[in-house]
């Protein structure tokens, strides 16, 4: 595929990724992907990976499910042994392939999706419930607030 500079694109169901299914809230949705194989000007074999997927995660703030669209745009340098990693140009992530150079595209896509997931997913639109946060300060009645013990000092200072 590298020599022929092949590229693949398509759509796969999120449910087709078993390891990803273990860490997301719902296997609904589709993953759009593009894989482009080639060699760069340094003769480094690579696969360019572009992925877009709406994934349902559990917000760790509200404990409610929410959809987070993840995008991946990376270039993976194809290496056969770990010693080749140091020879990769900047901007390349290493991808260890079998001696025969074969790789499973679905596994590559799944690995990249797993790597881009946040450790602690938080919905940016989520708010904490009032019983956790407490009432808003503007809602508190001033008669309910205890007297300030330093109010006497303030009066003495102003004299």
N, C-alpha and C. Protein backbone atom coordinates (compact mmCIF):
# COMPACT_ATOMS: atom_id res chain seq x y z
N UNK A 1 0.82 -1.18 0.00
CA UNK A 1 0.00 0.00 0.00
C UNK A 1 0.87 1.26 0.00
N UNK A 2 2.02 1.18 0.67
CA UNK A 2 2.91 2.34 0.72
C UNK A 2 3.48 2.62 -0.67
N UNK A 3 3.98 1.58 -1.34
CA UNK A 3 4.57 1.77 -2.67
C UNK A 3 3.56 2.28 -3.68
N UNK A 4 2.35 1.82 -3.57
CA UNK A 4 1.29 2.23 -4.50
C UNK A 4 0.62 3.53 -4.08
N UNK A 5 1.02 4.08 -2.92
CA UNK A 5 0.43 5.31 -2.39
C UNK A 5 -1.10 5.21 -2.33
N UNK A 6 -1.56 4.09 -1.79
CA UNK A 6 -3.00 3.82 -1.69
C UNK A 6 -3.64 4.67 -0.61
N UNK A 7 -4.90 4.94 -0.80
CA UNK A 7 -5.67 5.63 0.23
C UNK A 7 -7.04 4.98 0.31
N UNK A 8 -7.58 5.01 1.51
CA UNK A 8 -8.88 4.42 1.79
C UNK A 8 -9.70 5.43 2.59
N UNK A 9 -10.98 5.45 2.33
CA UNK A 9 -11.87 6.27 3.14
C UNK A 9 -13.20 5.57 3.23
N UNK A 10 -13.93 5.89 4.27
CA UNK A 10 -15.23 5.26 4.43
C UNK A 10 -15.85 5.59 5.77
N UNK A 11 -16.88 4.82 6.07
CA UNK A 11 -17.61 4.99 7.32
C UNK A 11 -17.78 3.61 7.95
N UNK A 12 -17.45 3.54 9.23
CA UNK A 12 -17.63 2.31 10.00
C UNK A 12 -18.50 2.61 11.21
N UNK A 13 -19.32 1.65 11.64
CA UNK A 13 -20.14 1.89 12.84
C UNK A 13 -19.27 1.85 14.10
N UNK A 14 -19.60 2.69 15.06
CA UNK A 14 -18.86 2.70 16.33
C UNK A 14 -18.96 1.34 16.99
N UNK A 15 -20.07 0.64 16.79
CA UNK A 15 -20.25 -0.69 17.39
C UNK A 15 -19.25 -1.71 16.86
N UNK A 16 -18.56 -1.41 15.77
CA UNK A 16 -17.57 -2.33 15.21
C UNK A 16 -16.21 -2.26 15.89
N UNK A 17 -16.08 -1.43 16.93
CA UNK A 17 -14.82 -1.28 17.66
C UNK A 17 -15.02 -1.79 19.09
N UNK A 18 -14.70 -3.05 19.36
CA UNK A 18 -15.02 -3.64 20.67
C UNK A 18 -14.28 -2.98 21.85
N UNK A 19 -13.02 -2.64 21.69
CA UNK A 19 -12.28 -2.02 22.81
C UNK A 19 -12.81 -0.62 23.09
N UNK A 20 -13.17 0.11 22.06
CA UNK A 20 -13.75 1.44 22.22
C UNK A 20 -15.10 1.34 22.92
N UNK A 21 -15.86 0.30 22.58
CA UNK A 21 -17.18 0.09 23.18
C UNK A 21 -17.13 -0.10 24.69
N UNK A 22 -15.97 -0.54 25.20
CA UNK A 22 -15.84 -0.76 26.65
C UNK A 22 -15.68 0.55 27.43
N UNK A 23 -15.29 1.64 26.76
CA UNK A 23 -15.01 2.89 27.48
C UNK A 23 -15.95 4.03 27.13
N UNK A 24 -16.89 3.80 26.22
CA UNK A 24 -17.86 4.84 25.89
C UNK A 24 -19.23 4.43 26.42
N UNK A 25 -20.15 5.38 26.47
CA UNK A 25 -21.47 5.12 27.05
C UNK A 25 -22.41 4.41 26.09
N UNK A 26 -22.24 4.63 24.79
CA UNK A 26 -23.16 4.06 23.82
C UNK A 26 -22.42 3.78 22.51
N UNK A 27 -22.68 2.63 21.89
CA UNK A 27 -22.01 2.30 20.63
C UNK A 27 -22.71 2.88 19.40
N UNK A 28 -23.51 3.92 19.59
CA UNK A 28 -24.25 4.50 18.47
C UNK A 28 -23.36 5.48 17.72
N UNK A 29 -23.64 5.61 16.43
CA UNK A 29 -22.93 6.58 15.61
C UNK A 29 -22.00 5.91 14.61
N UNK A 30 -21.40 6.73 13.77
CA UNK A 30 -20.51 6.25 12.72
C UNK A 30 -19.17 6.98 12.80
N UNK A 31 -18.14 6.27 12.40
CA UNK A 31 -16.79 6.82 12.36
C UNK A 31 -16.43 7.06 10.89
N UNK A 32 -16.13 8.32 10.55
CA UNK A 32 -15.64 8.63 9.20
C UNK A 32 -14.12 8.61 9.25
N UNK A 33 -13.52 7.93 8.28
CA UNK A 33 -12.06 7.80 8.32
C UNK A 33 -11.46 7.98 6.93
N UNK A 34 -10.19 8.37 6.92
CA UNK A 34 -9.36 8.41 5.73
C UNK A 34 -7.98 7.90 6.13
N UNK A 35 -7.47 6.95 5.39
CA UNK A 35 -6.12 6.44 5.58
C UNK A 35 -5.36 6.64 4.28
N UNK A 36 -4.22 7.28 4.36
CA UNK A 36 -3.42 7.55 3.16
C UNK A 36 -2.00 7.03 3.40
N UNK A 37 -1.58 6.07 2.59
CA UNK A 37 -0.26 5.47 2.72
C UNK A 37 0.71 6.13 1.75
N UNK A 38 1.98 6.20 2.14
CA UNK A 38 2.98 6.77 1.23
C UNK A 38 4.35 6.82 1.85
N UNK A 39 5.26 7.48 1.12
CA UNK A 39 6.62 7.74 1.59
C UNK A 39 6.85 9.25 1.50
N UNK A 40 7.55 9.79 2.49
CA UNK A 40 7.82 11.23 2.44
C UNK A 40 9.16 11.50 1.77
N UNK A 41 9.60 12.76 1.80
CA UNK A 41 10.84 13.15 1.14
C UNK A 41 12.08 12.52 1.77
N UNK A 42 11.95 11.98 3.01
CA UNK A 42 13.06 11.29 3.67
C UNK A 42 12.97 9.78 3.49
N UNK A 43 12.05 9.33 2.63
CA UNK A 43 11.82 7.92 2.34
C UNK A 43 11.25 7.15 3.54
N UNK A 44 10.58 7.88 4.43
CA UNK A 44 9.94 7.26 5.60
C UNK A 44 8.55 6.80 5.20
N UNK A 45 8.28 5.54 5.47
CA UNK A 45 6.95 4.99 5.20
C UNK A 45 5.97 5.52 6.26
N UNK A 46 4.80 5.94 5.81
CA UNK A 46 3.83 6.50 6.76
C UNK A 46 2.42 6.14 6.34
N UNK A 47 1.52 6.35 7.29
CA UNK A 47 0.09 6.34 7.02
C UNK A 47 -0.49 7.58 7.69
N UNK A 48 -1.14 8.41 6.89
CA UNK A 48 -1.83 9.59 7.41
C UNK A 48 -3.23 9.16 7.81
N UNK A 49 -3.62 9.49 9.03
CA UNK A 49 -4.90 9.06 9.58
C UNK A 49 -5.74 10.29 9.90
N UNK A 50 -6.93 10.33 9.33
CA UNK A 50 -7.90 11.38 9.63
C UNK A 50 -9.21 10.70 10.02
N UNK A 51 -9.71 11.06 11.18
CA UNK A 51 -10.91 10.42 11.72
C UNK A 51 -11.82 11.50 12.32
N UNK A 52 -13.11 11.31 12.12
CA UNK A 52 -14.11 12.13 12.79
C UNK A 52 -15.19 11.20 13.30
N UNK A 53 -15.50 11.33 14.59
CA UNK A 53 -16.50 10.44 15.18
C UNK A 53 -17.23 11.11 16.33
N UNK A 54 -18.56 11.07 16.34
CA UNK A 54 -19.32 11.53 17.51
C UNK A 54 -19.43 10.37 18.50
N UNK A 55 -18.80 10.52 19.66
CA UNK A 55 -18.79 9.45 20.65
C UNK A 55 -19.59 9.87 21.87
N UNK A 56 -20.39 8.95 22.40
CA UNK A 56 -21.19 9.22 23.58
C UNK A 56 -20.39 8.83 24.81
N UNK A 57 -20.12 9.81 25.67
CA UNK A 57 -19.34 9.61 26.89
C UNK A 57 -20.19 9.97 28.09
N UNK A 58 -19.73 9.58 29.27
CA UNK A 58 -20.41 9.96 30.51
C UNK A 58 -19.65 11.13 31.13
N UNK A 59 -20.34 12.23 31.31
CA UNK A 59 -19.75 13.42 31.92
C UNK A 59 -19.45 13.11 33.38
N UNK A 60 -18.22 13.34 33.80
CA UNK A 60 -17.84 13.05 35.18
C UNK A 60 -18.24 14.16 36.15
N UNK A 61 -18.80 15.23 35.63
CA UNK A 61 -19.31 16.31 36.48
C UNK A 61 -20.78 16.05 36.80
N UNK A 62 -21.58 15.75 35.78
CA UNK A 62 -23.02 15.58 35.97
C UNK A 62 -23.46 14.12 35.95
N UNK A 63 -22.58 13.22 35.54
CA UNK A 63 -22.86 11.79 35.39
C UNK A 63 -23.95 11.51 34.37
N UNK A 64 -24.11 12.43 33.42
CA UNK A 64 -25.07 12.29 32.33
C UNK A 64 -24.32 12.03 31.03
N UNK A 65 -24.91 11.25 30.10
CA UNK A 65 -24.26 11.03 28.81
C UNK A 65 -24.28 12.30 27.96
N UNK A 66 -23.24 12.48 27.17
CA UNK A 66 -23.18 13.58 26.22
C UNK A 66 -22.37 13.13 25.01
N UNK A 67 -22.58 13.78 23.89
CA UNK A 67 -21.89 13.43 22.65
C UNK A 67 -20.71 14.39 22.46
N UNK A 68 -19.54 13.81 22.29
CA UNK A 68 -18.33 14.59 22.04
C UNK A 68 -17.81 14.18 20.67
N UNK A 69 -17.67 15.14 19.77
CA UNK A 69 -17.12 14.84 18.45
C UNK A 69 -15.61 14.89 18.55
N UNK A 70 -14.97 13.76 18.25
CA UNK A 70 -13.51 13.70 18.29
C UNK A 70 -12.98 13.75 16.87
N UNK A 71 -11.85 14.43 16.72
CA UNK A 71 -11.18 14.53 15.43
C UNK A 71 -9.73 14.11 15.59
N UNK A 72 -9.27 13.29 14.68
CA UNK A 72 -7.88 12.85 14.67
C UNK A 72 -7.29 13.24 13.32
N UNK A 73 -6.12 13.82 13.35
CA UNK A 73 -5.38 14.14 12.13
C UNK A 73 -3.91 13.95 12.47
N UNK A 74 -3.38 12.78 12.15
CA UNK A 74 -2.02 12.46 12.54
C UNK A 74 -1.31 11.68 11.44
N UNK A 75 -0.01 11.67 11.53
CA UNK A 75 0.79 10.90 10.58
C UNK A 75 1.60 9.89 11.39
N UNK A 76 1.42 8.62 11.06
CA UNK A 76 2.10 7.54 11.76
C UNK A 76 3.24 7.01 10.91
N UNK A 77 4.44 7.02 11.47
CA UNK A 77 5.59 6.45 10.78
C UNK A 77 5.59 4.94 10.98
N UNK A 78 5.63 4.20 9.89
CA UNK A 78 5.57 2.74 9.97
C UNK A 78 6.96 2.19 10.24
N UNK A 79 7.13 1.53 11.39
CA UNK A 79 8.42 0.95 11.76
C UNK A 79 8.24 -0.53 12.03
N UNK A 80 9.31 -1.30 11.79
CA UNK A 80 9.27 -2.75 12.00
C UNK A 80 9.85 -3.13 13.36
N UNK A 81 10.83 -2.35 13.84
CA UNK A 81 11.34 -2.59 15.19
C UNK A 81 11.50 -1.25 15.90
N UNK A 82 11.58 -1.30 17.21
CA UNK A 82 11.58 -0.08 18.02
C UNK A 82 12.81 0.79 17.78
N UNK A 83 13.89 0.23 17.29
CA UNK A 83 15.10 1.02 17.04
C UNK A 83 14.87 2.06 15.94
N UNK A 84 13.93 1.83 15.05
CA UNK A 84 13.65 2.74 13.96
C UNK A 84 12.91 4.00 14.42
N UNK A 85 12.38 3.98 15.64
CA UNK A 85 11.59 5.11 16.13
C UNK A 85 12.42 6.39 16.18
N UNK A 86 13.68 6.29 16.54
CA UNK A 86 14.52 7.49 16.65
C UNK A 86 14.78 8.14 15.29
N UNK A 87 14.60 7.39 14.20
CA UNK A 87 14.82 7.93 12.87
C UNK A 87 13.62 8.62 12.26
N UNK A 88 12.51 8.66 12.99
CA UNK A 88 11.31 9.31 12.46
C UNK A 88 11.45 10.83 12.56
N UNK A 89 11.00 11.53 11.53
CA UNK A 89 11.04 13.00 11.57
C UNK A 89 10.08 13.55 12.63
N UNK A 90 10.29 14.80 13.05
CA UNK A 90 9.36 15.42 14.00
C UNK A 90 7.94 15.45 13.43
N UNK A 91 6.97 15.26 14.31
CA UNK A 91 5.57 15.28 13.88
C UNK A 91 5.02 13.91 13.54
N UNK A 92 5.87 12.89 13.53
CA UNK A 92 5.42 11.53 13.25
C UNK A 92 5.28 10.78 14.57
N UNK A 93 4.22 10.01 14.67
CA UNK A 93 4.06 9.08 15.78
C UNK A 93 4.45 7.70 15.27
N UNK A 94 5.16 6.91 16.06
CA UNK A 94 5.56 5.57 15.58
C UNK A 94 4.39 4.59 15.61
N UNK A 95 4.35 3.74 14.59
CA UNK A 95 3.39 2.64 14.54
C UNK A 95 4.17 1.38 14.22
N UNK A 96 4.27 0.50 15.20
CA UNK A 96 5.01 -0.75 15.04
C UNK A 96 4.16 -1.73 14.24
N UNK A 97 4.69 -2.19 13.09
CA UNK A 97 3.97 -3.14 12.24
C UNK A 97 4.72 -4.47 12.25
N UNK A 98 4.06 -5.50 11.78
CA UNK A 98 4.66 -6.84 11.71
C UNK A 98 5.84 -6.84 10.74
N UNK A 99 6.67 -7.86 10.82
CA UNK A 99 7.83 -7.99 9.93
C UNK A 99 7.43 -7.93 8.46
N UNK A 100 6.27 -8.50 8.13
CA UNK A 100 5.82 -8.50 6.73
C UNK A 100 5.22 -7.14 6.33
N UNK A 101 5.13 -6.20 7.26
CA UNK A 101 4.65 -4.86 6.96
C UNK A 101 3.14 -4.71 6.96
N UNK A 102 2.42 -5.75 7.31
CA UNK A 102 0.96 -5.68 7.29
C UNK A 102 0.43 -5.05 8.57
N UNK A 103 -0.71 -4.38 8.42
CA UNK A 103 -1.40 -3.84 9.57
C UNK A 103 -2.89 -3.92 9.32
N UNK A 104 -3.63 -3.92 10.41
CA UNK A 104 -5.09 -3.96 10.33
C UNK A 104 -5.62 -2.54 10.44
N UNK A 105 -6.20 -1.99 9.37
CA UNK A 105 -6.69 -0.61 9.41
C UNK A 105 -7.70 -0.33 10.51
N UNK A 106 -8.58 -1.29 10.79
CA UNK A 106 -9.60 -1.09 11.82
C UNK A 106 -8.93 -0.94 13.19
N UNK A 107 -7.88 -1.72 13.44
CA UNK A 107 -7.16 -1.62 14.70
C UNK A 107 -6.46 -0.27 14.82
N UNK A 108 -5.90 0.22 13.73
CA UNK A 108 -5.25 1.53 13.73
C UNK A 108 -6.26 2.62 14.06
N UNK A 109 -7.43 2.57 13.44
CA UNK A 109 -8.48 3.56 13.69
C UNK A 109 -8.92 3.49 15.15
N UNK A 110 -9.14 2.29 15.65
CA UNK A 110 -9.58 2.12 17.03
C UNK A 110 -8.52 2.63 18.01
N UNK A 111 -7.26 2.31 17.76
CA UNK A 111 -6.18 2.79 18.63
C UNK A 111 -6.15 4.31 18.69
N UNK A 112 -6.29 4.96 17.55
CA UNK A 112 -6.25 6.42 17.51
C UNK A 112 -7.45 7.03 18.23
N UNK A 113 -8.61 6.41 18.11
CA UNK A 113 -9.79 6.90 18.83
C UNK A 113 -9.60 6.75 20.35
N UNK A 114 -9.04 5.64 20.77
CA UNK A 114 -8.79 5.44 22.20
C UNK A 114 -7.78 6.45 22.75
N UNK A 115 -6.78 6.78 21.95
CA UNK A 115 -5.76 7.72 22.40
C UNK A 115 -6.29 9.15 22.52
N UNK A 116 -7.28 9.51 21.73
CA UNK A 116 -7.78 10.88 21.74
C UNK A 116 -8.85 11.11 22.81
N UNK A 117 -9.37 10.05 23.40
CA UNK A 117 -10.41 10.22 24.43
C UNK A 117 -9.82 10.89 25.67
N UNK A 118 -10.57 11.81 26.29
CA UNK A 118 -10.08 12.44 27.52
C UNK A 118 -10.09 11.45 28.68
N UNK A 119 -9.14 11.61 29.59
CA UNK A 119 -9.11 10.74 30.77
C UNK A 119 -10.34 10.96 31.63
N UNK A 120 -10.75 12.21 31.76
CA UNK A 120 -11.93 12.56 32.54
C UNK A 120 -12.86 13.36 31.64
N UNK A 121 -13.84 12.69 31.01
CA UNK A 121 -14.74 13.43 30.12
C UNK A 121 -15.66 14.35 30.90
N UNK A 122 -15.71 15.60 30.45
CA UNK A 122 -16.59 16.59 31.07
C UNK A 122 -17.32 17.34 29.97
N UNK A 123 -18.62 17.33 30.06
CA UNK A 123 -19.45 18.08 29.12
C UNK A 123 -19.27 19.57 29.42
N UNK A 124 -18.81 20.35 28.47
CA UNK A 124 -18.60 21.78 28.75
C UNK A 124 -19.89 22.53 29.07
N UNK A 125 -21.03 21.97 28.73
CA UNK A 125 -22.31 22.61 29.01
C UNK A 125 -22.94 22.15 30.32
N UNK A 126 -22.29 21.22 31.02
CA UNK A 126 -22.87 20.65 32.24
C UNK A 126 -22.68 21.60 33.42
N UNK A 127 -23.69 21.63 34.26
CA UNK A 127 -23.62 22.40 35.50
C UNK A 127 -23.86 21.46 36.66
N UNK A 128 -23.22 21.74 37.77
CA UNK A 128 -23.41 20.91 38.96
C UNK A 128 -24.79 21.18 39.56
N UNK A 129 -25.43 20.15 40.11
CA UNK A 129 -26.74 20.35 40.74
C UNK A 129 -26.62 21.27 41.96
N UNK A 130 -27.73 21.96 42.31
CA UNK A 130 -27.73 22.89 43.43
C UNK A 130 -27.41 22.22 44.76
N UNK A 131 -27.82 20.94 44.93
CA UNK A 131 -27.56 20.28 46.20
C UNK A 131 -26.07 20.02 46.42
N UNK A 132 -25.28 20.06 45.36
CA UNK A 132 -23.83 19.89 45.49
C UNK A 132 -23.16 21.25 45.63
N UNK A 133 -23.57 22.19 44.82
CA UNK A 133 -22.96 23.51 44.81
C UNK A 133 -23.43 24.35 45.99
N UNK A 134 -24.68 24.20 46.37
CA UNK A 134 -25.26 25.04 47.42
C UNK A 134 -25.99 26.19 46.77
N UNK A 135 -26.76 26.91 47.53
CA UNK A 135 -27.52 28.03 46.96
C UNK A 135 -26.58 29.14 46.52
N UNK A 136 -27.04 29.89 45.56
CA UNK A 136 -26.28 31.03 45.04
C UNK A 136 -26.21 32.10 46.12
N UNK A 137 -25.09 32.81 46.22
CA UNK A 137 -24.92 33.82 47.26
C UNK A 137 -25.96 34.93 47.16
N UNK A 138 -26.38 35.25 45.96
CA UNK A 138 -27.37 36.31 45.79
C UNK A 138 -28.73 35.88 46.29
N UNK A 139 -28.96 34.56 46.38
CA UNK A 139 -30.25 34.04 46.84
C UNK A 139 -30.31 33.97 48.36
N UNK A 140 -29.17 34.04 49.05
CA UNK A 140 -29.16 33.93 50.50
C UNK A 140 -29.75 35.19 51.12
N UNK A 141 -30.53 34.99 52.15
CA UNK A 141 -31.12 36.12 52.87
C UNK A 141 -30.08 36.66 53.83
N UNK A 142 -29.95 37.97 53.87
CA UNK A 142 -28.93 38.57 54.72
C UNK A 142 -29.21 38.34 56.20
N UNK A 143 -30.45 38.09 56.57
CA UNK A 143 -30.78 37.83 57.97
C UNK A 143 -30.28 36.46 58.42
N UNK A 144 -30.04 35.56 57.47
CA UNK A 144 -29.57 34.22 57.79
C UNK A 144 -28.06 34.18 58.01
N UNK A 145 -27.36 35.22 57.61
CA UNK A 145 -25.91 35.20 57.73
C UNK A 145 -25.52 35.57 59.15
N UNK A 146 -24.60 34.84 59.73
CA UNK A 146 -24.16 35.15 61.09
C UNK A 146 -23.38 36.46 61.10
N UNK A 147 -23.36 37.15 62.23
CA UNK A 147 -22.63 38.41 62.30
C UNK A 147 -21.14 38.17 62.11
N UNK A 148 -20.51 39.12 61.49
CA UNK A 148 -19.08 39.03 61.23
C UNK A 148 -18.34 39.33 62.53
N UNK A 149 -17.49 38.42 63.00
CA UNK A 149 -16.79 38.66 64.26
C UNK A 149 -15.78 39.80 64.17
N UNK A 150 -15.40 40.18 62.97
CA UNK A 150 -14.41 41.25 62.80
C UNK A 150 -15.07 42.61 62.57
N UNK A 151 -16.40 42.65 62.60
CA UNK A 151 -17.11 43.92 62.39
C UNK A 151 -16.75 44.92 63.47
N UNK A 152 -16.54 44.47 64.70
CA UNK A 152 -16.17 45.37 65.80
C UNK A 152 -14.81 45.99 65.53
N UNK A 153 -13.88 45.21 65.00
CA UNK A 153 -12.56 45.74 64.68
C UNK A 153 -12.65 46.81 63.60
N UNK A 154 -13.52 46.59 62.62
CA UNK A 154 -13.71 47.56 61.55
C UNK A 154 -14.23 48.88 62.13
N UNK A 155 -15.15 48.79 63.09
CA UNK A 155 -15.69 50.00 63.72
C UNK A 155 -14.62 50.73 64.50
N UNK A 156 -13.76 49.99 65.23
CA UNK A 156 -12.69 50.62 66.00
C UNK A 156 -11.69 51.32 65.08
N UNK A 157 -11.42 50.71 63.95
CA UNK A 157 -10.46 51.29 63.00
C UNK A 157 -11.00 52.58 62.40
N UNK A 158 -12.29 52.66 62.15
CA UNK A 158 -12.91 53.82 61.54
C UNK A 158 -13.06 54.99 62.52
N UNK A 159 -12.83 54.80 63.80
CA UNK A 159 -13.00 55.89 64.79
C UNK A 159 -11.88 56.85 64.74
